[in-house]
């Protein structure tokens, strides 16, 4: 299923972005 693969990739990208943002916020503090 292509849709499932797209969703999986999107979730992975969102997770990485969330981690990067979290690290940036902790550094700011």
N, C-alpha and C. Protein backbone atom coordinates (compact mmCIF):
# COMPACT_ATOMS: atom_id res chain seq x y z
N UNK A 1 0.85 -1.21 0.00
CA UNK A 1 0.00 0.00 0.00
C UNK A 1 0.88 1.25 0.00
N UNK A 2 0.65 2.11 -0.97
CA UNK A 2 1.45 3.33 -1.04
C UNK A 2 1.07 4.30 0.07
N UNK A 3 -0.25 4.42 0.32
CA UNK A 3 -0.73 5.36 1.34
C UNK A 3 -0.07 5.07 2.70
N UNK A 4 -0.03 3.78 3.06
CA UNK A 4 0.57 3.40 4.34
C UNK A 4 2.03 3.83 4.40
N UNK A 5 2.74 3.63 3.29
CA UNK A 5 4.16 3.99 3.26
C UNK A 5 4.34 5.50 3.41
N UNK A 6 3.47 6.26 2.74
CA UNK A 6 3.55 7.73 2.82
C UNK A 6 3.30 8.18 4.26
N UNK A 7 2.29 7.60 4.89
CA UNK A 7 1.97 7.98 6.27
C UNK A 7 3.14 7.64 7.19
N UNK A 8 3.75 6.49 6.97
CA UNK A 8 4.87 6.08 7.80
C UNK A 8 6.02 7.07 7.66
N UNK A 9 6.31 7.45 6.42
CA UNK A 9 7.41 8.40 6.19
C UNK A 9 7.10 9.75 6.82
N UNK A 10 5.84 10.19 6.70
CA UNK A 10 5.45 11.48 7.28
C UNK A 10 5.60 11.44 8.80
N UNK A 11 5.19 10.34 9.40
CA UNK A 11 5.29 10.22 10.86
C UNK A 11 6.76 10.24 11.29
N UNK A 12 7.63 9.60 10.49
CA UNK A 12 9.06 9.59 10.83
C UNK A 12 9.62 11.01 10.75
N UNK A 13 9.25 11.74 9.71
CA UNK A 13 9.74 13.12 9.54
C UNK A 13 9.24 13.98 10.70
N UNK A 14 7.97 13.82 11.06
CA UNK A 14 7.41 14.61 12.15
C UNK A 14 8.12 14.30 13.46
N UNK A 15 8.43 13.03 13.69
CA UNK A 15 9.13 12.63 14.91
C UNK A 15 10.51 13.26 14.96
N UNK A 16 11.23 13.24 13.85
CA UNK A 16 12.57 13.83 13.83
C UNK A 16 12.49 15.33 14.06
N UNK A 17 11.52 15.98 13.41
CA UNK A 17 11.36 17.43 13.59
C UNK A 17 11.03 17.73 15.05
N UNK A 18 10.17 16.93 15.66
CA UNK A 18 9.80 17.15 17.05
C UNK A 18 11.02 17.03 17.96
N UNK A 19 11.87 16.02 17.69
CA UNK A 19 13.07 15.83 18.50
C UNK A 19 14.01 17.01 18.35
N UNK A 20 14.19 17.49 17.13
CA UNK A 20 15.09 18.63 16.88
C UNK A 20 14.55 19.87 17.60
N UNK A 21 13.23 20.10 17.49
CA UNK A 21 12.64 21.27 18.14
C UNK A 21 12.77 21.15 19.66
N UNK A 22 12.55 19.96 20.18
CA UNK A 22 12.66 19.73 21.62
C UNK A 22 14.07 20.05 22.10
N UNK A 23 15.07 19.58 21.34
CA UNK A 23 16.47 19.82 21.71
C UNK A 23 16.78 21.31 21.67
N UNK A 24 16.25 21.99 20.65
CA UNK A 24 16.50 23.43 20.50
C UNK A 24 15.88 24.19 21.68
N UNK A 25 14.67 23.81 22.07
CA UNK A 25 14.01 24.48 23.19
C UNK A 25 14.78 24.26 24.49
N UNK A 26 15.27 23.04 24.70
CA UNK A 26 16.01 22.76 25.93
C UNK A 26 17.30 23.56 25.94
N UNK A 27 17.91 23.75 24.77
CA UNK A 27 19.15 24.53 24.69
C UNK A 27 18.86 26.00 24.99
N UNK A 28 17.72 26.49 24.48
CA UNK A 28 17.35 27.90 24.69
C UNK A 28 17.20 28.17 26.19
N UNK A 29 16.67 27.19 26.91
CA UNK A 29 16.49 27.36 28.35
C UNK A 29 17.82 27.15 29.04
